[in-house]
Protein backbone atom coordinates (compact mmCIF):
# COMPACT_ATOMS: atom_id res chain seq x y z
CA MET A 1 134.41 98.52 190.39
CA LYS A 2 133.14 95.10 191.41
CA ALA A 3 133.45 91.52 190.16
CA THR A 4 131.75 88.40 191.49
CA ALA A 5 132.46 84.74 190.97
CA LYS A 6 130.63 81.57 191.96
CA LEU A 7 132.09 78.10 191.98
CA SER A 8 131.27 74.65 193.28
CA LYS A 9 133.58 71.95 194.54
CA ASP A 10 131.65 69.44 192.43
CA THR A 11 131.76 71.40 189.15
CA VAL A 12 135.11 70.42 187.68
CA LEU A 13 136.13 71.55 184.19
CA ALA A 14 139.22 69.34 183.90
CA ASP A 15 142.21 67.77 185.57
CA ILE A 16 145.30 69.89 184.98
CA ASP A 17 148.08 68.12 183.12
CA ALA A 18 151.28 69.35 184.81
CA ARG A 19 152.85 69.73 181.36
CA ILE A 20 150.75 72.89 180.90
CA TYR A 21 153.60 74.59 182.81
CA GLY A 22 156.24 73.48 180.34
CA SER A 23 158.94 75.64 178.77
CA PHE A 24 161.37 75.58 175.87
CA VAL A 25 165.15 75.57 175.30
CA GLU A 26 166.27 75.98 171.69
CA HIS A 27 169.77 76.16 170.24
CA LEU A 28 169.17 79.85 169.59
CA GLY A 29 171.14 82.85 170.78
CA ARG A 30 172.32 82.48 174.38
CA ALA A 31 169.69 79.99 175.50
CA VAL A 32 172.18 77.10 175.68
CA TYR A 33 175.67 78.60 175.40
CA ASP A 34 176.20 81.35 178.01
CA GLY A 35 172.70 80.50 179.27
CA ILE A 36 172.26 77.12 180.89
CA TYR A 37 175.82 76.14 179.86
CA GLU A 38 178.89 78.22 180.71
CA PRO A 39 181.75 75.93 181.75
CA ASN A 40 184.06 78.77 182.91
CA HIS A 41 181.45 80.36 185.17
CA PRO A 42 182.16 80.20 188.93
CA SER A 43 178.88 78.32 189.51
CA ALA A 44 179.42 75.77 186.71
CA ASN A 45 179.38 72.10 187.69
CA GLU A 46 181.64 69.41 186.24
CA LEU A 47 179.35 69.21 183.18
CA GLY A 48 179.62 72.94 182.49
CA PHE A 49 176.07 73.79 183.53
CA ARG A 50 175.49 76.84 185.69
CA GLU A 51 174.10 75.70 189.04
CA ASP A 52 172.86 79.20 189.89
CA VAL A 53 170.68 79.07 186.76
CA ILE A 54 169.41 75.60 187.65
CA GLU A 55 168.51 76.85 191.14
CA VAL A 56 166.37 79.67 189.72
CA ILE A 57 164.76 77.38 187.14
CA ASN A 58 163.86 74.95 189.92
CA GLU A 59 161.82 77.76 191.52
CA LEU A 60 159.60 77.64 188.42
CA ASN A 61 158.89 73.92 188.88
CA VAL A 62 158.87 73.28 185.12
CA PRO A 63 157.77 69.69 184.37
CA LEU A 64 158.59 69.60 180.63
CA VAL A 65 161.08 71.37 178.35
CA ARG A 66 160.80 71.30 174.57
CA TYR A 67 164.17 70.75 172.82
CA PRO A 68 166.19 71.39 170.59
CA GLY A 69 163.85 73.67 168.60
CA GLY A 70 162.03 75.54 167.24
CA ASN A 71 163.23 76.63 163.84
CA PHE A 72 166.64 75.20 164.70
CA VAL A 73 165.40 71.60 164.55
CA SER A 74 164.41 71.83 160.86
CA GLY A 75 168.07 71.84 159.85
CA TYR A 76 169.51 69.76 162.69
CA ASN A 77 171.29 66.43 162.43
CA TRP A 78 170.90 64.82 165.84
CA GLU A 79 173.98 62.67 165.25
CA ASP A 80 176.11 65.85 165.39
CA GLY A 81 175.38 66.08 169.12
CA VAL A 82 176.41 62.59 170.27
CA GLY A 83 179.77 60.92 170.71
CA PRO A 84 183.04 62.53 171.87
CA VAL A 85 182.65 66.31 172.02
CA GLU A 86 186.03 66.88 170.39
CA ASP A 87 184.87 64.95 167.31
CA ARG A 88 181.61 66.85 166.82
CA PRO A 89 181.32 69.11 163.77
CA LYS A 90 180.70 72.83 163.79
CA ARG A 91 177.82 73.68 161.46
CA LEU A 92 176.28 76.70 159.82
CA GLU A 93 172.93 76.98 161.59
CA LEU A 94 170.61 78.40 158.96
CA ALA A 95 167.47 79.17 160.95
CA TRP A 96 169.15 81.85 163.08
CA ARG A 97 172.28 82.26 160.91
CA SER A 98 174.71 81.36 163.67
CA VAL A 99 177.48 78.79 164.09
CA GLU A 100 176.47 75.71 166.11
CA THR A 101 179.40 74.08 167.89
CA ASN A 102 177.45 71.00 169.07
CA GLU A 103 179.31 71.16 172.35
CA VAL A 104 175.96 70.54 174.02
CA GLY A 105 174.02 67.68 172.48
CA LEU A 106 171.55 65.00 173.45
CA HIS A 107 173.44 63.38 176.33
CA GLU A 108 174.44 66.68 177.88
CA PHE A 109 170.93 68.06 177.68
CA MET A 110 169.42 64.95 179.24
CA LYS A 111 171.82 65.37 182.18
CA TRP A 112 170.84 69.02 182.48
CA ALA A 113 167.13 68.09 182.43
CA GLU A 114 167.69 65.74 185.34
CA LEU A 115 169.33 68.54 187.32
CA ALA A 116 166.51 70.90 186.38
CA LYS A 117 163.98 68.26 187.54
CA THR A 118 162.19 68.25 184.20
CA GLU A 119 161.25 65.88 181.40
CA VAL A 120 162.23 66.46 177.76
CA ASN A 121 159.78 67.07 174.92
CA MET A 122 161.98 66.07 171.97
CA ALA A 123 161.46 67.52 168.50
CA VAL A 124 162.46 65.64 165.34
CA ASN A 125 163.60 67.23 162.08
CA LEU A 126 160.90 67.00 159.42
CA GLY A 127 162.37 69.91 157.45
CA THR A 128 165.54 68.55 155.87
CA ARG A 129 165.09 65.00 157.18
CA GLY A 130 162.24 62.58 157.86
CA ILE A 131 161.14 59.09 158.82
CA ASP A 132 164.51 57.39 159.01
CA ALA A 133 166.26 59.99 161.19
CA ALA A 134 163.24 60.20 163.51
CA ARG A 135 162.91 56.47 164.11
CA ASN A 136 166.67 56.12 164.57
CA LEU A 137 166.72 58.91 167.16
CA LEU A 138 163.82 57.29 169.01
CA GLU A 139 165.60 53.91 169.00
CA TYR A 140 168.73 55.63 170.30
CA CYS A 141 166.81 57.33 173.13
CA ASN A 142 164.29 54.71 174.22
CA HIS A 143 165.25 51.17 173.19
CA PRO A 144 167.01 49.28 176.01
CA GLU A 145 169.81 47.47 174.18
CA GLY A 146 170.77 44.96 171.52
CA THR A 147 170.35 47.13 168.41
CA TYR A 148 172.70 49.44 166.54
CA TYR A 149 171.37 52.73 167.92
CA SER A 150 170.61 51.55 171.47
CA ASP A 151 174.09 50.06 171.73
CA LEU A 152 175.56 53.28 170.32
CA ARG A 153 173.82 55.19 173.12
CA LYS A 154 175.38 52.84 175.65
CA GLN A 155 178.77 53.21 173.97
CA ASN A 156 178.36 56.99 174.30
CA GLY A 157 177.88 56.72 178.05
CA ALA A 158 174.14 56.24 178.71
CA GLU A 159 173.64 52.66 179.89
CA GLU A 160 169.91 53.16 180.56
CA PRO A 161 167.42 54.46 177.98
CA PHE A 162 166.38 58.10 178.20
CA ASN A 163 162.70 57.08 177.96
CA ILE A 164 161.53 60.32 176.37
CA LYS A 165 157.75 60.11 176.15
CA THR A 166 156.67 63.35 174.40
CA TRP A 167 157.81 64.05 170.84
CA CYS A 168 157.13 66.88 168.35
CA LEU A 169 156.82 66.00 164.67
CA GLY A 170 158.80 68.95 163.35
CA ASN A 171 158.24 72.64 163.95
CA GLU A 172 156.04 75.29 162.28
CA MET A 173 155.99 73.45 158.99
CA ASP A 174 153.29 75.84 157.72
CA GLY A 175 155.76 78.75 157.80
CA PRO A 176 157.55 79.86 154.61
CA TRP A 177 160.48 80.85 156.86
CA GLN A 178 160.93 77.23 157.90
CA ILE A 179 163.79 75.20 156.43
CA GLY A 180 162.01 72.47 154.47
CA HIS A 181 158.65 74.28 154.55
CA LYS A 182 155.86 72.08 153.19
CA THR A 183 152.29 72.32 152.06
CA ALA A 184 149.67 70.85 154.37
CA ASP A 185 149.40 67.72 152.25
CA GLU A 186 153.17 67.27 152.05
CA TYR A 187 153.61 67.69 155.78
CA GLY A 188 150.52 65.69 156.68
CA ARG A 189 151.72 62.66 154.72
CA LEU A 190 155.26 62.87 156.08
CA ALA A 191 154.03 63.32 159.66
CA GLU A 192 151.62 60.40 159.30
CA GLU A 193 154.31 58.02 158.08
CA THR A 194 156.86 59.28 160.62
CA ALA A 195 154.34 58.82 163.43
CA LYS A 196 153.53 55.30 162.27
CA ALA A 197 157.21 54.34 162.25
CA MET A 198 157.93 55.94 165.62
CA LYS A 199 155.04 54.19 167.34
CA LEU A 200 156.25 50.89 165.92
CA VAL A 201 159.55 51.54 167.69
CA ASP A 202 157.86 52.61 170.96
CA ASP A 203 154.09 52.58 171.30
CA THR A 204 154.19 54.32 174.71
CA ILE A 205 155.20 57.72 173.29
CA GLU A 206 152.87 60.66 172.63
CA LEU A 207 153.23 62.66 169.43
CA VAL A 208 152.56 66.34 168.70
CA LEU A 209 151.49 67.27 165.16
CA CYS A 210 152.30 70.76 163.84
CA GLY A 211 149.31 73.04 163.68
CA SER A 212 149.44 76.64 162.51
CA SER A 213 152.30 78.75 163.80
CA SER A 214 149.82 81.61 164.20
CA SER A 215 146.08 82.12 163.88
CA LYS A 216 146.97 84.96 161.48
CA MET A 217 148.51 82.57 158.94
CA PRO A 218 146.62 82.63 155.62
CA THR A 219 146.40 78.83 155.77
CA PHE A 220 145.03 78.72 159.33
CA GLY A 221 142.12 76.32 159.67
CA GLU A 222 142.65 74.66 156.33
CA TRP A 223 146.13 73.59 157.48
CA GLU A 224 144.82 72.02 160.69
CA TYR A 225 142.04 70.16 158.91
CA THR A 226 144.32 68.79 156.19
CA VAL A 227 147.17 67.57 158.41
CA LEU A 228 144.70 65.96 160.80
CA GLU A 229 142.95 64.18 157.95
CA HIS A 230 146.29 62.52 157.23
CA ALA A 231 147.69 61.83 160.68
CA TYR A 232 144.69 61.79 163.06
CA GLU A 233 144.90 58.17 164.19
CA TYR A 234 148.66 58.26 164.78
CA VAL A 235 149.09 61.48 166.82
CA ASP A 236 147.94 62.65 170.22
CA PHE A 237 148.24 66.44 170.17
CA LEU A 238 148.03 69.33 167.72
CA SER A 239 150.31 72.32 168.34
CA LEU A 240 149.50 76.02 168.55
CA HIS A 241 151.93 78.95 168.65
CA LEU A 242 151.22 82.56 169.65
CA TYR A 243 153.39 85.59 170.36
CA TRP A 244 152.10 88.96 171.57
CA GLU A 245 153.32 92.43 170.56
CA ASN A 246 152.61 95.95 171.75
CA PHE A 247 154.19 98.15 169.13
CA GLU A 248 151.17 100.50 169.43
CA ASN A 249 151.89 101.04 173.14
CA ASP A 250 148.18 100.59 173.95
CA THR A 251 147.88 99.01 177.39
CA ALA A 252 144.12 98.41 177.26
CA ASN A 253 144.35 96.61 173.94
CA TYR A 254 147.55 94.78 174.87
CA LEU A 255 146.14 93.28 178.07
CA ALA A 256 143.10 92.09 176.11
CA LYS A 257 145.21 89.90 173.82
CA SER A 258 144.62 86.80 175.90
CA VAL A 259 141.11 86.94 174.40
CA GLU A 260 142.79 86.12 171.09
CA MET A 261 144.50 83.13 172.71
CA ASP A 262 141.17 81.81 173.98
CA LYS A 263 139.56 82.23 170.55
CA PHE A 264 142.51 80.45 168.90
CA ILE A 265 142.21 77.48 171.27
CA LYS A 266 138.48 77.12 170.80
CA GLY A 267 138.80 77.37 167.03
CA VAL A 268 141.43 74.63 166.87
CA VAL A 269 139.37 72.41 169.19
CA ALA A 270 136.43 72.80 166.79
CA ILE A 271 138.60 71.72 163.86
CA CYS A 272 139.96 68.71 165.74
CA ASP A 273 136.44 67.61 166.60
CA ALA A 274 135.23 68.18 163.05
CA VAL A 275 137.89 65.79 161.74
CA LYS A 276 137.01 63.34 164.51
CA ALA A 277 133.35 63.43 163.46
CA LYS A 278 134.18 63.04 159.77
CA LYS A 279 136.38 60.03 160.49
CA GLY A 280 133.91 58.52 162.95
CA SER A 281 136.82 58.17 165.36
CA ASP A 282 136.59 57.47 169.08
CA LYS A 283 139.93 59.21 169.64
CA GLN A 284 140.18 62.76 170.95
CA ILE A 285 143.04 65.01 169.86
CA ASN A 286 144.16 67.43 172.56
CA LEU A 287 146.26 70.55 172.21
CA SER A 288 149.90 71.40 172.84
CA PHE A 289 150.35 75.18 173.05
CA ASP A 290 154.07 74.60 172.79
CA GLU A 291 155.15 78.18 172.04
CA TRP A 292 153.60 81.22 173.69
CA ASN A 293 154.93 84.44 175.15
CA VAL A 294 155.49 88.14 174.56
CA TRP A 295 158.00 88.81 171.77
CA TYR A 296 158.61 92.21 170.25
CA HIS A 297 161.10 94.24 172.32
CA SER A 298 164.21 92.76 170.65
CA LYS A 299 163.07 92.55 167.04
CA ASP A 300 164.59 95.84 165.88
CA ALA A 301 168.01 95.05 167.35
CA ASP A 302 167.98 91.51 165.93
CA SER A 303 167.25 92.80 162.42
CA LYS A 304 170.61 94.65 162.40
CA ARG A 305 172.82 91.75 163.50
CA GLU A 306 175.55 90.33 161.27
CA PRO A 307 175.43 86.51 160.82
CA TRP A 308 177.66 83.59 161.78
CA ASP A 309 178.57 84.29 165.37
CA ILE A 310 178.59 81.60 168.05
CA ALA A 311 175.77 82.11 170.57
CA PRO A 312 175.01 85.75 169.67
CA PRO A 313 172.52 87.67 171.85
CA LEU A 314 169.25 87.07 170.00
CA LEU A 315 165.60 87.54 170.99
CA GLU A 316 166.67 89.00 174.32
CA ASP A 317 163.43 90.80 175.15
CA ILE A 318 163.66 92.84 178.32
CA TYR A 319 160.21 92.44 179.81
CA ASN A 320 158.27 95.00 181.81
CA PHE A 321 155.43 94.87 184.33
CA GLU A 322 152.84 95.22 181.58
CA ASP A 323 154.21 92.04 179.95
CA ALA A 324 153.96 90.19 183.27
CA LEU A 325 150.26 91.03 183.48
CA LEU A 326 149.58 89.70 179.98
CA VAL A 327 151.56 86.51 180.71
CA GLY A 328 149.37 86.14 183.80
CA CYS A 329 146.27 86.47 181.62
CA GLY A 330 147.75 83.84 179.29
CA LEU A 331 148.31 81.40 182.14
CA ILE A 332 144.71 81.85 183.28
CA THR A 333 143.47 81.33 179.72
CA LEU A 334 145.43 78.08 179.38
CA LEU A 335 144.02 76.83 182.70
CA ASN A 336 140.48 77.74 181.69
CA ASN A 337 140.98 75.54 178.62
CA ALA A 338 142.66 72.68 180.49
CA ASP A 339 140.01 70.25 179.25
CA ARG A 340 141.81 70.31 175.88
CA VAL A 341 145.15 72.07 176.44
CA LYS A 342 147.32 69.41 178.07
CA ILE A 343 150.78 70.72 177.15
CA ALA A 344 152.01 74.31 176.96
CA CYS A 345 155.55 75.64 176.67
CA LEU A 346 156.44 79.19 177.63
CA ALA A 347 158.94 80.15 174.95
CA GLN A 348 161.60 80.22 176.12
CA LEU A 349 163.33 79.53 179.45
CA VAL A 350 166.73 81.30 179.58
CA ASN A 351 167.90 84.51 177.84
CA VAL A 352 165.79 84.03 174.69
CA ILE A 353 162.35 85.65 175.26
CA ALA A 354 162.70 84.24 178.75
CA PRO A 355 161.75 84.65 182.41
CA VAL A 356 165.37 83.93 183.43
CA MET A 357 168.36 85.99 182.25
CA THR A 358 172.08 85.51 182.72
CA ILE A 359 175.12 87.75 182.57
CA LYS A 360 178.22 86.11 181.12
CA ASP A 361 180.67 85.52 183.99
CA GLY A 362 178.07 87.16 186.21
CA GLU A 363 174.73 86.76 187.90
CA VAL A 364 171.37 85.29 187.02
CA TRP A 365 168.25 87.45 187.35
CA LYS A 366 164.49 87.18 187.09
CA GLN A 367 162.35 89.09 184.61
CA PRO A 368 158.86 90.36 185.59
CA ILE A 369 157.15 87.46 183.76
CA PHE A 370 158.94 85.06 186.12
CA TYR A 371 156.58 85.83 188.99
CA PRO A 372 153.11 84.92 187.64
CA PHE A 373 154.55 81.82 185.97
CA MET A 374 156.25 80.74 189.19
CA GLN A 375 153.06 81.10 191.24
CA ALA A 376 150.84 79.39 188.67
CA SER A 377 153.23 76.47 188.22
CA ASN A 378 153.71 75.88 191.92
CA TYR A 379 150.15 76.42 193.12
CA GLY A 380 148.02 75.78 190.03
CA ARG A 381 148.04 71.99 190.29
CA GLY A 382 144.97 69.78 190.58
CA LYS A 383 141.62 70.44 188.91
CA VAL A 384 140.20 73.55 187.22
CA LEU A 385 136.77 74.47 188.56
CA ARG A 386 134.07 76.03 186.40
CA LEU A 387 133.59 79.67 187.35
CA ASP A 388 130.54 81.85 186.85
CA VAL A 389 132.13 85.32 186.70
CA LYS A 390 130.42 88.69 186.42
CA SER A 391 132.59 91.71 185.70
CA ASP A 392 132.39 95.10 184.04
CA THR A 393 133.82 95.09 180.53
CA TYR A 394 135.53 97.49 178.14
CA ASP A 395 136.19 97.80 174.41
CA SER A 396 139.67 98.25 172.95
CA ILE A 397 140.84 98.87 169.41
CA GLU A 398 140.77 95.16 168.52
CA TYR A 399 138.53 93.54 171.14
CA LYS A 400 134.99 94.05 172.40
CA ASN A 401 133.44 93.29 175.80
CA VAL A 402 136.74 92.48 177.48
CA PRO A 403 136.19 91.68 181.18
CA PHE A 404 138.26 93.83 183.51
CA ILE A 405 138.98 90.71 185.51
CA GLU A 406 140.63 87.56 184.14
CA THR A 407 140.37 84.75 186.67
CA THR A 408 140.42 81.02 187.31
CA ALA A 409 140.04 78.70 190.30
CA ILE A 410 142.00 75.52 191.06
CA LEU A 411 140.97 72.70 193.39
CA ASN A 412 144.04 71.05 194.89
CA GLU A 413 142.62 68.05 196.75
CA GLU A 414 146.06 66.80 197.76
CA ASN A 415 146.69 69.99 199.76
CA ASN A 416 143.02 70.68 200.65
CA GLU A 417 143.23 74.04 198.92
CA VAL A 418 141.33 76.21 196.49
CA VAL A 419 143.64 78.60 194.62
CA ILE A 420 142.35 81.63 192.72
CA PHE A 421 144.47 83.50 190.19
CA ALA A 422 143.26 86.85 188.85
CA VAL A 423 144.42 89.84 186.81
CA ASN A 424 142.74 93.23 187.17
CA ARG A 425 143.08 94.88 183.74
CA SER A 426 141.77 98.25 184.89
CA GLN A 427 144.44 100.92 184.72
CA ASP A 428 142.95 103.17 187.37
CA GLN A 429 140.31 101.39 189.46
CA GLU A 430 140.49 98.89 192.28
CA MET A 431 138.36 95.77 191.90
CA ASN A 432 136.21 94.66 194.81
CA PHE A 433 136.17 90.89 194.34
CA GLU A 434 133.63 88.56 195.89
CA THR A 435 133.67 84.78 195.45
CA ILE A 436 131.07 82.32 196.71
CA LEU A 437 132.41 78.78 197.09
CA ASP A 438 129.81 76.02 197.31
CA GLY A 439 130.53 72.60 198.82
CA PHE A 440 133.22 73.60 201.32
CA ASP A 441 132.42 73.25 205.01
CA LYS A 442 135.10 75.55 206.27
CA LEU A 443 137.44 77.95 204.49
CA GLU A 444 140.31 80.13 205.60
CA VAL A 445 142.74 82.37 203.77
CA VAL A 446 146.16 80.75 203.85
CA GLU A 447 147.85 83.32 201.65
CA ALA A 448 146.84 86.26 199.46
CA THR A 449 149.46 87.99 197.33
CA GLU A 450 149.74 90.57 194.57
CA LEU A 451 152.16 91.81 191.96
CA ALA A 452 151.05 95.43 191.82
CA ASP A 453 151.94 99.12 192.25
CA TYR A 454 154.58 99.17 189.53
CA ASP A 455 154.88 101.44 186.53
CA ILE A 456 153.73 99.45 183.51
CA LYS A 457 157.10 99.92 181.79
CA LYS A 458 159.22 98.97 184.79
CA THR A 459 161.79 96.24 184.13
CA THR A 460 164.23 94.42 186.39
CA GLU A 461 167.18 94.79 184.01
CA ASN A 462 169.09 97.28 186.16
CA ASP A 463 167.31 96.61 189.43
CA HIS A 464 167.15 92.83 189.65
CA ASP A 465 165.28 92.85 192.98
CA GLY A 466 163.05 95.75 192.05
CA MET A 467 159.90 93.70 191.53
CA ASN A 468 158.47 91.25 194.00
CA ILE A 469 155.26 89.53 195.03
CA LYS A 470 153.80 91.12 198.16
CA PRO A 471 151.06 90.19 200.63
CA ASN A 472 147.50 91.38 200.04
CA ASP A 473 145.87 91.71 203.44
CA SER A 474 142.43 92.70 202.16
CA PHE A 475 141.03 89.19 201.78
CA SER A 476 138.85 87.46 204.33
CA VAL A 477 136.26 84.66 204.52
CA ASN A 478 132.76 84.85 205.95
CA ASN A 479 131.04 81.46 205.75
CA ALA A 480 131.51 80.49 202.10
CA LYS A 481 132.08 84.02 200.81
CA VAL A 482 135.57 85.35 200.11
CA THR A 483 135.97 89.09 199.71
CA GLY A 484 138.87 91.42 199.07
CA THR A 485 140.33 93.99 196.72
CA PHE A 486 142.52 93.75 193.63
CA LYS A 487 144.59 96.83 192.86
CA PRO A 488 144.56 98.39 189.39
CA LEU A 489 146.88 96.55 186.99
CA SER A 490 147.64 93.62 189.26
CA TRP A 491 148.38 89.89 189.21
CA ASN A 492 146.83 88.18 192.22
CA MET A 493 146.78 84.82 193.97
CA ILE A 494 144.50 83.71 196.82
CA ARG A 495 145.04 80.36 198.55
CA LEU A 496 142.16 79.05 200.61
CA ALA A 497 142.39 76.01 202.90
CA TYR A 498 139.34 73.80 203.44
């Protein structure tokens, strides 16, 4: 099997916004408590945060973390998480039917974010609350001093503003499962007025409007159009959410599901631009794919859980090699749409449908999806180049003409590198890959690696070091032509110096 690609140094699709490698920490399950925060753990610092977890997260080089939800935020009072910890109330948390202790709140999370070398993408509650709570929270976080909420922040120990610049206007408000679920008109009006008030407090922030929580929602399309008609001139991004499942155990169809992601993105872009044209606006709305991942392994166990525990194990998918390949395809799809996708958040970061897992009182370990995300985040910075790719295709149960190869190319001018990421979807055939790079005087292979040769159902749950990225020695350069081989079912990276 063979695939060819052509690219030019001068044919740039888009600059990559680093926030495309964002992630997500929600007050859900063991994401916070017994995840990033475990004060009695041997590695815990004076704040109670596990330093071994922070060390592994730093390997992912995550520039942005969405917080505190997710469904959780639609019933959350942010005031519960500030002030002396001993005075904070315990609450029934209705979204996940747990008890929230509020031991970790705004100040604690901002300190954790600093240690994790990341910015915070703050969500406001537009389920049970609205304009007033949102503008007060923003004043608390970003206003320097001299007002009630800014002085309260200082009183609570943060002399300098947090300066949070990315904000989500609620979460999945199209979903009937959401606390405070609204129609498109109800949400659109509330989001518009909330956005207006927030930008009066701080006009340097960027705001994310809730789009559909899935392209399978019966209101998809109509929802986007309606909420944008209301809030278009006051927001900067529209959100998309997507989770993949493989209950049918069909590898060929499963690995094709990034095609659905691409179609979703392009459909939402079309709606954004239709509203722009109707309004005669000069403003472009970009996309925030602020929840995406595989999520299905844990659903049966979660359905049998009794409610009202503190930090119960929820959504703890144990990922396999097959999942890592699809996450790799998803990363490539996001990059190939980087002209409009400026923010993306792998949901989530620790324990809850996550690349990083922890054992209470024990170790931290990496899931298979950790590896493609780590390589993309660290080496996929710069500009996405337009690729002309030719590959054999296949048909699956849901998708037609799926290319066996999923690939993208990144120009990193700062490091004088071209980086190629690729997934070979074929289950039994190697892929001879040939790339012609125009506009580069001299090229050499700096590094070529693969995640390959694993059983598709292999996990790292009981063998934490049982999956690793390995060298691929097949790649070489002759003039401007790069050739090599991708193994069946493989995630690949090639770094080329120029």
